C-alpha cells in the first residue's frame, strides 16, 4: 500500500484512555503529528471487546458497525492499545464473516488498523523520537499486543531512542499480568495471584518505572504495586515517547 504524504489517521482512543487517562490520548496525537500525520478523533464508543469475549456476539456486532462506519473515511486507524487494536484488526472480520451486508466493509476496515508503535515503526519507518527520560525502566508485554499482533520489538526500538532511558527486562516479561478484561472480574483470586508475580518481577528488575502499552494491564499492575507499598511508577510508554510525563504516574496521588 502506498503511504499518503500526510496520512489521515483516525485515532481510536479506547474507553479506558478516554475515561481514566486522557494524557495517553494526547501523547498519541503528539507522536502521530510529529510523524507527519493528520489526526482526527471521530465520534466513537466501545469496540465491543467485553461483549465479544463474553460470547454476546449480537451486542458486539451492534457496537462494531458504527465503529467501522465512523472510521471509513480515514487512511489508517490507530489505537494506543494492542488489546483494542487486536479486536478491531483480528476479531471484526471474524464477527462479520459470512455476513453479506458487512463482511467486505469489516475486512477493509481491519486491514488499516494498527497499534501505535507498530504503525510508527512498520508503516511510517519512525526509528527515533525527541524525548528524554533518564530513568531505569522495565517493559511488560501485554497479551493481546504480543500474541495477536506480534508487538514486542516496536515499542522497545522507540524507547531505545529516548535519551537517558535504561531499559532492563524483568523475568517473564511476556507472561500475562492477570487482567484479561472480564477475566479479572470472573476469576478475581486467580487474577490477583498472577499480578502478584508480575509485581514481584518488576521489583526484582531494579527498575524505577514500569511501562506497557495497554491501560487495563497498567491499572492492574499499578494497583497491585501500590497496595504492596512499592515505589515503582507505572506509565503507558507513549507518555515517555512523547516527553509528556508531567502527569502523576498511574495510581499515584496528584501532588498538591
C-alpha atoms as a PDB file:
ATOM      1  CA  UNK A   1       0.000   0.000   0.000  1.00  0.00           C
ATOM      2  CA  UNK A   2       1.382   3.400  -0.990  1.00  0.00           C
ATOM      3  CA  UNK A   3       1.622   5.707   2.021  1.00  0.00           C
ATOM      4  CA  UNK A   4      -0.032   9.128   1.527  1.00  0.00           C
ATOM      5  CA  UNK A   5       2.281  12.120   2.005  1.00  0.00           C
ATOM      6  CA  UNK A   6       0.307  13.216   5.076  1.00  0.00           C
ATOM      7  CA  UNK A   7      -1.749  10.199   6.131  1.00  0.00           C
ATOM      8  CA  UNK A   8      -5.170  10.956   7.522  1.00  0.00           C
ATOM      9  CA  UNK A   9      -5.355   8.975  10.758  1.00  0.00           C
ATOM     10  CA  UNK A  10      -8.480   8.265  12.757  1.00  0.00           C
ATOM     11  CA  UNK A  11      -7.488   7.879  16.410  1.00  0.00           C
ATOM     12  CA  UNK A  12      -9.349   5.119  18.227  1.00  0.00           C
ATOM     13  CA  UNK A  13      -8.937   6.478  21.740  1.00  0.00           C
ATOM     14  CA  UNK A  14     -10.242   3.417  23.681  1.00  0.00           C
ATOM     15  CA  UNK A  15     -12.696   3.569  26.580  1.00  0.00           C
ATOM     16  CA  UNK A  16     -10.118   3.300  29.358  1.00  0.00           C
ATOM     17  CA  UNK A  17      -7.931   6.085  27.966  1.00  0.00           C
ATOM     18  CA  UNK A  18     -10.949   8.329  27.495  1.00  0.00           C
ATOM     19  CA  UNK A  19     -12.312   7.716  30.987  1.00  0.00           C
ATOM     20  CA  UNK A  20      -9.205   7.219  33.135  1.00  0.00           C
ATOM     21  CA  UNK A  21      -6.050   8.514  31.434  1.00  0.00           C
ATOM     22  CA  UNK A  22      -6.674  11.069  28.656  1.00  0.00           C
ATOM     23  CA  UNK A  23      -2.977  12.040  28.757  1.00  0.00           C
ATOM     24  CA  UNK A  24      -2.279   8.837  26.797  1.00  0.00           C
ATOM     25  CA  UNK A  25      -4.565  10.076  24.037  1.00  0.00           C
ATOM     26  CA  UNK A  26      -2.865  13.471  23.891  1.00  0.00           C
ATOM     27  CA  UNK A  27       0.574  11.833  23.832  1.00  0.00           C
ATOM     28  CA  UNK A  28      -0.564   9.616  20.969  1.00  0.00           C
ATOM     29  CA  UNK A  29      -1.768  12.629  19.000  1.00  0.00           C
ATOM     30  CA  UNK A  30       1.600  14.356  19.510  1.00  0.00           C
ATOM     31  CA  UNK A  31       3.571  11.346  18.292  1.00  0.00           C
ATOM     32  CA  UNK A  32       1.377  10.915  15.221  1.00  0.00           C
ATOM     33  CA  UNK A  33       1.523  14.616  14.339  1.00  0.00           C
ATOM     34  CA  UNK A  34       5.304  14.674  14.865  1.00  0.00           C
ATOM     35  CA  UNK A  35       5.435  11.828  12.331  1.00  0.00           C
ATOM     36  CA  UNK A  36       3.563  13.937   9.772  1.00  0.00           C
ATOM     37  CA  UNK A  37       0.032  12.578  10.190  1.00  0.00           C
ATOM     38  CA  UNK A  38      -3.240  14.477  10.163  1.00  0.00           C
ATOM     39  CA  UNK A  39      -5.032  13.194  13.252  1.00  0.00           C
ATOM     40  CA  UNK A  40      -8.769  13.294  13.826  1.00  0.00           C
ATOM     41  CA  UNK A  41     -10.921  11.750  16.533  1.00  0.00           C
ATOM     42  CA  UNK A  42     -14.324  10.785  15.134  1.00  0.00           C
ATOM     43  CA  UNK A  43     -17.264  10.089  17.458  1.00  0.00           C
ATOM     44  CA  UNK A  44     -16.768   6.618  18.857  1.00  0.00           C
ATOM     45  CA  UNK A  45     -17.698   4.219  21.596  1.00  0.00           C
ATOM     46  CA  UNK A  46     -16.560   0.825  22.912  1.00  0.00           C
ATOM     47  CA  UNK A  47     -15.081  -1.542  20.336  1.00  0.00           C
ATOM     48  CA  UNK A  48     -17.273  -4.326  21.709  1.00  0.00           C
ATOM     49  CA  UNK A  49     -14.480  -6.466  23.093  1.00  0.00           C
ATOM     50  CA  UNK A  50     -16.077  -7.168  26.533  1.00  0.00           C
ATOM     51  CA  UNK A  51     -19.266  -8.364  24.841  1.00  0.00           C
ATOM     52  CA  UNK A  52     -17.322 -10.388  22.252  1.00  0.00           C
ATOM     53  CA  UNK A  53     -15.173 -12.085  24.886  1.00  0.00           C
ATOM     54  CA  UNK A  54     -18.278 -12.867  26.928  1.00  0.00           C
ATOM     55  CA  UNK A  55     -19.943 -14.585  23.978  1.00  0.00           C
ATOM     56  CA  UNK A  56     -22.518 -11.865  23.262  1.00  0.00           C
ATOM     57  CA  UNK A  57     -21.935 -11.643  19.504  1.00  0.00           C
ATOM     58  CA  UNK A  58     -25.193  -9.766  18.861  1.00  0.00           C
ATOM     59  CA  UNK A  59     -24.155  -6.863  21.112  1.00  0.00           C
ATOM     60  CA  UNK A  60     -20.588  -6.951  19.788  1.00  0.00           C
ATOM     61  CA  UNK A  61     -21.922  -6.532  16.236  1.00  0.00           C
ATOM     62  CA  UNK A  62     -24.169  -3.658  17.302  1.00  0.00           C
ATOM     63  CA  UNK A  63     -21.129  -1.857  18.699  1.00  0.00           C
ATOM     64  CA  UNK A  64     -18.804  -2.748  15.824  1.00  0.00           C
ATOM     65  CA  UNK A  65     -20.943  -1.471  12.942  1.00  0.00           C
ATOM     66  CA  UNK A  66     -20.859   2.241  13.923  1.00  0.00           C
ATOM     67  CA  UNK A  67     -17.110   1.987  14.612  1.00  0.00           C
ATOM     68  CA  UNK A  68     -16.461   0.688  11.099  1.00  0.00           C
ATOM     69  CA  UNK A  69     -18.683   3.370   9.566  1.00  0.00           C
ATOM     70  CA  UNK A  70     -17.126   6.203  11.619  1.00  0.00           C
ATOM     71  CA  UNK A  71     -13.583   5.330  10.523  1.00  0.00           C
ATOM     72  CA  UNK A  72     -14.365   4.571   6.890  1.00  0.00           C
ATOM     73  CA  UNK A  73     -13.015   7.926   5.582  1.00  0.00           C
ATOM     74  CA  UNK A  74      -9.528   7.510   7.099  1.00  0.00           C
ATOM     75  CA  UNK A  75      -6.340   6.133   5.572  1.00  0.00           C
ATOM     76  CA  UNK A  76      -5.458   4.405   8.846  1.00  0.00           C
ATOM     77  CA  UNK A  77      -6.995   3.640  12.230  1.00  0.00           C
ATOM     78  CA  UNK A  78      -4.531   3.790  15.120  1.00  0.00           C
ATOM     79  CA  UNK A  79      -5.050   2.869  18.783  1.00  0.00           C
ATOM     80  CA  UNK A  80      -2.719   3.226  21.807  1.00  0.00           C
ATOM     81  CA  UNK A  81      -3.730  -0.298  22.817  1.00  0.00           C
ATOM     82  CA  UNK A  82      -2.831  -3.721  21.477  1.00  0.00           C
ATOM     83  CA  UNK A  83      -5.992  -5.107  23.031  1.00  0.00           C
ATOM     84  CA  UNK A  84      -8.462  -2.836  21.253  1.00  0.00           C
ATOM     85  CA  UNK A  85      -6.388  -2.828  18.045  1.00  0.00           C
ATOM     86  CA  UNK A  86      -6.449  -6.633  18.134  1.00  0.00           C
ATOM     87  CA  UNK A  87     -10.227  -6.612  18.479  1.00  0.00           C
ATOM     88  CA  UNK A  88     -10.583  -4.243  15.519  1.00  0.00           C
ATOM     89  CA  UNK A  89      -7.998  -5.927  13.282  1.00  0.00           C
ATOM     90  CA  UNK A  90      -8.435  -9.612  14.094  1.00  0.00           C
ATOM     91  CA  UNK A  91     -11.910 -10.158  15.508  1.00  0.00           C
ATOM     92  CA  UNK A  92     -14.080  -7.772  13.481  1.00  0.00           C
ATOM     93  CA  UNK A  93     -13.554  -9.848  10.301  1.00  0.00           C
ATOM     94  CA  UNK A  94     -14.476 -12.986  12.245  1.00  0.00           C
ATOM     95  CA  UNK A  95     -17.505 -11.248  13.719  1.00  0.00           C
ATOM     96  CA  UNK A  96     -18.881 -10.398  10.275  1.00  0.00           C
ATOM     97  CA  UNK A  97     -17.712 -13.493   8.389  1.00  0.00           C
ATOM     98  CA  UNK A  98     -20.428 -14.710   6.006  1.00  0.00           C
ATOM     99  CA  UNK A  99     -22.434 -11.534   6.593  1.00  0.00           C
ATOM    100  CA  UNK A 100     -23.329 -10.458   3.032  1.00  0.00           C
ATOM    101  CA  UNK A 101     -24.129  -6.921   4.143  1.00  0.00           C
ATOM    102  CA  UNK A 102     -20.959  -6.144   6.116  1.00  0.00           C
ATOM    103  CA  UNK A 103     -18.195  -8.698   5.573  1.00  0.00           C
ATOM    104  CA  UNK A 104     -16.332  -6.666   2.918  1.00  0.00           C
ATOM    105  CA  UNK A 105     -16.508  -3.464   4.974  1.00  0.00           C
ATOM    106  CA  UNK A 106     -15.200  -5.259   8.069  1.00  0.00           C
ATOM    107  CA  UNK A 107     -12.255  -6.716   6.173  1.00  0.00           C
ATOM    108  CA  UNK A 108     -11.361  -3.370   4.553  1.00  0.00           C
ATOM    109  CA  UNK A 109     -11.549  -1.664   7.940  1.00  0.00           C
ATOM    110  CA  UNK A 110      -9.413  -4.315   9.662  1.00  0.00           C
ATOM    111  CA  UNK A 111      -6.673  -4.011   7.030  1.00  0.00           C
ATOM    112  CA  UNK A 112      -5.943  -0.402   8.009  1.00  0.00           C
ATOM    113  CA  UNK A 113      -5.933  -0.850  11.818  1.00  0.00           C
ATOM    114  CA  UNK A 114      -2.659  -0.586  13.760  1.00  0.00           C
ATOM    115  CA  UNK A 115      -1.449  -0.370  17.326  1.00  0.00           C
ATOM    116  CA  UNK A 116       0.517   2.877  17.726  1.00  0.00           C
ATOM    117  CA  UNK A 117       4.105   1.590  17.972  1.00  0.00           C
ATOM    118  CA  UNK A 118       3.536  -0.844  15.095  1.00  0.00           C
ATOM    119  CA  UNK A 119       2.156   1.978  12.965  1.00  0.00           C
ATOM    120  CA  UNK A 120       5.060   4.310  13.697  1.00  0.00           C
ATOM    121  CA  UNK A 121       7.803   1.711  13.164  1.00  0.00           C
ATOM    122  CA  UNK A 122       6.488  -0.614  10.452  1.00  0.00           C
ATOM    123  CA  UNK A 123       4.329   1.781   8.401  1.00  0.00           C
ATOM    124  CA  UNK A 124       5.966   5.197   8.828  1.00  0.00           C
ATOM    125  CA  UNK A 125       9.506   3.887   9.450  1.00  0.00           C
ATOM    126  CA  UNK A 126       9.941   6.048  12.557  1.00  0.00           C
ATOM    127  CA  UNK A 127      13.024   4.921  14.445  1.00  0.00           C
ATOM    128  CA  UNK A 128      13.632   7.837  16.814  1.00  0.00           C
ATOM    129  CA  UNK A 129      11.672  10.228  18.988  1.00  0.00           C
ATOM    130  CA  UNK A 130      12.739  13.535  20.519  1.00  0.00           C
ATOM    131  CA  UNK A 131      12.387  12.746  24.223  1.00  0.00           C
ATOM    132  CA  UNK A 132      14.467  12.443  27.359  1.00  0.00           C
ATOM    133  CA  UNK A 133      13.705  10.209  30.352  1.00  0.00           C
ATOM    134  CA  UNK A 134      16.787   9.488  32.492  1.00  0.00           C
ATOM    135  CA  UNK A 135      15.281   6.563  34.382  1.00  0.00           C
ATOM    136  CA  UNK A 136      15.736   2.783  34.543  1.00  0.00           C
ATOM    137  CA  UNK A 137      12.559   1.228  33.155  1.00  0.00           C
ATOM    138  CA  UNK A 138      11.185  -2.256  32.528  1.00  0.00           C
ATOM    139  CA  UNK A 139       8.567  -3.223  29.953  1.00  0.00           C
ATOM    140  CA  UNK A 140       5.541  -5.517  30.289  1.00  0.00           C
ATOM    141  CA  UNK A 141       4.400  -7.183  27.052  1.00  0.00           C
ATOM    142  CA  UNK A 142       0.595  -7.105  27.138  1.00  0.00           C
ATOM    143  CA  UNK A 143      -1.009 -10.320  25.894  1.00  0.00           C
ATOM    144  CA  UNK A 144      -3.172  -9.083  23.013  1.00  0.00           C
ATOM    145  CA  UNK A 145      -0.488  -6.880  21.501  1.00  0.00           C
ATOM    146  CA  UNK A 146       2.143  -9.581  21.762  1.00  0.00           C
ATOM    147  CA  UNK A 147       0.146 -12.669  20.845  1.00  0.00           C
ATOM    148  CA  UNK A 148      -2.406 -11.296  18.390  1.00  0.00           C
ATOM    149  CA  UNK A 149      -0.376  -8.536  16.715  1.00  0.00           C
ATOM    150  CA  UNK A 150       3.256  -9.577  17.282  1.00  0.00           C
ATOM    151  CA  UNK A 151       4.158  -6.348  19.061  1.00  0.00           C
ATOM    152  CA  UNK A 152       7.388  -6.637  21.055  1.00  0.00           C
ATOM    153  CA  UNK A 153      10.299  -5.084  19.158  1.00  0.00           C
ATOM    154  CA  UNK A 154       8.491  -1.921  18.040  1.00  0.00           C
ATOM    155  CA  UNK A 155       7.999  -0.217  21.429  1.00  0.00           C
ATOM    156  CA  UNK A 156      11.483  -1.262  22.518  1.00  0.00           C
ATOM    157  CA  UNK A 157      13.021   0.226  19.352  1.00  0.00           C
ATOM    158  CA  UNK A 158      11.325   3.560  20.006  1.00  0.00           C
ATOM    159  CA  UNK A 159      12.158   3.533  23.732  1.00  0.00           C
ATOM    160  CA  UNK A 160      15.774   2.850  22.779  1.00  0.00           C
ATOM    161  CA  UNK A 161      15.934   6.295  21.164  1.00  0.00           C
ATOM    162  CA  UNK A 162      14.830   8.131  24.338  1.00  0.00           C
ATOM    163  CA  UNK A 163      17.805   9.979  25.784  1.00  0.00           C
ATOM    164  CA  UNK A 164      18.920   8.671  29.178  1.00  0.00           C
ATOM    165  CA  UNK A 165      16.431   5.784  29.289  1.00  0.00           C
ATOM    166  CA  UNK A 166      17.878   2.471  30.535  1.00  0.00           C
ATOM    167  CA  UNK A 167      15.645  -0.498  29.630  1.00  0.00           C
ATOM    168  CA  UNK A 168      16.072  -3.651  31.697  1.00  0.00           C
ATOM    169  CA  UNK A 169      13.928  -6.737  31.133  1.00  0.00           C
ATOM    170  CA  UNK A 170      12.089  -8.272  34.070  1.00  0.00           C
ATOM    171  CA  UNK A 171      11.712 -12.018  34.434  1.00  0.00           C
ATOM    172  CA  UNK A 172       8.827 -13.446  32.388  1.00  0.00           C
ATOM    173  CA  UNK A 173       8.050 -10.081  30.806  1.00  0.00           C
ATOM    174  CA  UNK A 174       5.807 -11.829  28.269  1.00  0.00           C
ATOM    175  CA  UNK A 175       3.675 -13.509  30.958  1.00  0.00           C
ATOM    176  CA  UNK A 176       0.106 -12.267  31.483  1.00  0.00           C
ATOM    177  CA  UNK A 177      -0.458  -9.716  34.282  1.00  0.00           C
ATOM    178  CA  UNK A 178      -3.749 -11.357  35.244  1.00  0.00           C
ATOM    179  CA  UNK A 179      -6.042  -8.597  33.930  1.00  0.00           C
ATOM    180  CA  UNK A 180      -7.602 -10.057  30.782  1.00  0.00           C
ATOM    181  CA  UNK A 181     -10.639  -7.759  30.842  1.00  0.00           C
ATOM    182  CA  UNK A 182     -13.556  -9.771  32.180  1.00  0.00           C
ATOM    183  CA  UNK A 183     -11.137 -12.478  33.377  1.00  0.00           C
ATOM    184  CA  UNK A 184     -10.140 -10.292  36.334  1.00  0.00           C
ATOM    185  CA  UNK A 185     -13.826  -9.916  37.229  1.00  0.00           C
ATOM    186  CA  UNK A 186     -14.773 -13.580  36.842  1.00  0.00           C
ATOM    187  CA  UNK A 187     -11.664 -15.050  38.452  1.00  0.00           C
ATOM    188  CA  UNK A 188     -10.530 -12.437  40.960  1.00  0.00           C
ATOM    189  CA  UNK A 189      -8.393 -14.700  43.143  1.00  0.00           C
ATOM    190  CA  UNK A 190      -6.517 -16.204  40.192  1.00  0.00           C
ATOM    191  CA  UNK A 191      -6.037 -12.743  38.687  1.00  0.00           C
ATOM    192  CA  UNK A 192      -4.637 -11.429  41.985  1.00  0.00           C
ATOM    193  CA  UNK A 193      -2.174 -14.321  42.223  1.00  0.00           C
ATOM    194  CA  UNK A 194      -0.924 -13.695  38.677  1.00  0.00           C
ATOM    195  CA  UNK A 195      -0.446  -9.952  39.152  1.00  0.00           C
ATOM    196  CA  UNK A 196       1.391 -10.635  42.412  1.00  0.00           C
ATOM    197  CA  UNK A 197       4.029 -12.490  40.383  1.00  0.00           C
ATOM    198  CA  UNK A 198       4.207  -9.637  37.877  1.00  0.00           C
ATOM    199  CA  UNK A 199       4.687  -7.092  40.678  1.00  0.00           C
ATOM    200  CA  UNK A 200       7.432  -9.212  42.231  1.00  0.00           C
ATOM    201  CA  UNK A 201       9.225  -9.499  38.870  1.00  0.00           C
ATOM    202  CA  UNK A 202       9.052  -5.742  38.357  1.00  0.00           C
ATOM    203  CA  UNK A 203      10.559  -5.049  41.763  1.00  0.00           C
ATOM    204  CA  UNK A 204      13.259  -7.662  41.214  1.00  0.00           C
ATOM    205  CA  UNK A 205      14.295  -5.987  37.938  1.00  0.00           C
ATOM    206  CA  UNK A 206      15.634  -2.956  39.778  1.00  0.00           C
ATOM    207  CA  UNK A 207      13.691  -0.576  37.534  1.00  0.00           C
ATOM    208  CA  UNK A 208      12.036   2.502  38.994  1.00  0.00           C
ATOM    209  CA  UNK A 209       9.420   2.678  36.215  1.00  0.00           C
ATOM    210  CA  UNK A 210       7.250   0.010  34.568  1.00  0.00           C
ATOM    211  CA  UNK A 211       5.917   0.694  31.066  1.00  0.00           C
ATOM    212  CA  UNK A 212       3.422  -1.129  28.867  1.00  0.00           C
ATOM    213  CA  UNK A 213       1.046  -0.455  26.003  1.00  0.00           C
ATOM    214  CA  UNK A 214      -2.382  -1.311  27.418  1.00  0.00           C
ATOM    215  CA  UNK A 215      -4.049   0.757  30.117  1.00  0.00           C
ATOM    216  CA  UNK A 216      -6.018  -2.188  31.514  1.00  0.00           C
ATOM    217  CA  UNK A 217      -2.789  -4.057  32.273  1.00  0.00           C
ATOM    218  CA  UNK A 218      -1.158  -0.906  33.593  1.00  0.00           C
ATOM    219  CA  UNK A 219      -4.010  -0.160  36.010  1.00  0.00           C
ATOM    220  CA  UNK A 220      -3.967  -3.765  37.214  1.00  0.00           C
ATOM    221  CA  UNK A 221      -0.212  -3.792  37.816  1.00  0.00           C
ATOM    222  CA  UNK A 222      -0.134  -0.272  39.272  1.00  0.00           C
ATOM    223  CA  UNK A 223      -2.900  -1.132  41.723  1.00  0.00           C
ATOM    224  CA  UNK A 224      -1.049  -4.197  42.953  1.00  0.00           C
ATOM    225  CA  UNK A 225       2.265  -2.361  43.271  1.00  0.00           C
ATOM    226  CA  UNK A 226       0.557   0.457  45.181  1.00  0.00           C
ATOM    227  CA  UNK A 227      -1.056  -1.985  47.619  1.00  0.00           C
ATOM    228  CA  UNK A 228       2.363  -3.547  48.211  1.00  0.00           C
ATOM    229  CA  UNK A 229       3.797  -0.125  49.000  1.00  0.00           C
ATOM    230  CA  UNK A 230       6.158  -0.270  46.019  1.00  0.00           C
ATOM    231  CA  UNK A 231       7.843   2.925  44.813  1.00  0.00           C
ATOM    232  CA  UNK A 232       7.777   1.774  41.160  1.00  0.00           C
ATOM    233  CA  UNK A 233       5.979   4.226  38.849  1.00  0.00           C
ATOM    234  CA  UNK A 234       3.678   2.802  36.194  1.00  0.00           C
ATOM    235  CA  UNK A 235       3.063   4.586  32.880  1.00  0.00           C
ATOM    236  CA  UNK A 236       1.938   3.973  29.318  1.00  0.00           C
ATOM    237  CA  UNK A 237       5.012   4.032  27.070  1.00  0.00           C
ATOM    238  CA  UNK A 238       3.552   6.740  24.815  1.00  0.00           C
ATOM    239  CA  UNK A 239       3.822   9.275  27.647  1.00  0.00           C
ATOM    240  CA  UNK A 240       7.573   8.671  27.743  1.00  0.00           C
ATOM    241  CA  UNK A 241       7.979   8.711  23.942  1.00  0.00           C
ATOM    242  CA  UNK A 242       6.075  11.996  23.720  1.00  0.00           C
ATOM    243  CA  UNK A 243       8.003  13.571  26.596  1.00  0.00           C
ATOM    244  CA  UNK A 244       4.705  14.058  28.449  1.00  0.00           C
ATOM    245  CA  UNK A 245       5.455  12.662  31.896  1.00  0.00           C
ATOM    246  CA  UNK A 246       4.324  15.666  33.903  1.00  0.00           C
ATOM    247  CA  UNK A 247       1.141  13.832  34.912  1.00  0.00           C
ATOM    248  CA  UNK A 248       1.306  11.739  38.115  1.00  0.00           C
ATOM    249  CA  UNK A 249       2.006   8.086  37.392  1.00  0.00           C
ATOM    250  CA  UNK A 250      -0.942   5.660  37.285  1.00  0.00           C
ATOM    251  CA  UNK A 251      -2.376   5.165  40.812  1.00  0.00           C
ATOM    252  CA  UNK A 252      -0.115   7.952  42.079  1.00  0.00           C
ATOM    253  CA  UNK A 253      -1.810  10.739  44.047  1.00  0.00           C
ATOM    254  CA  UNK A 254      -1.695  14.151  42.443  1.00  0.00           C
ATOM    255  CA  UNK A 255       0.781  16.406  44.269  1.00  0.00           C
ATOM    256  CA  UNK A 256      -0.774  19.440  45.973  1.00  0.00           C
END
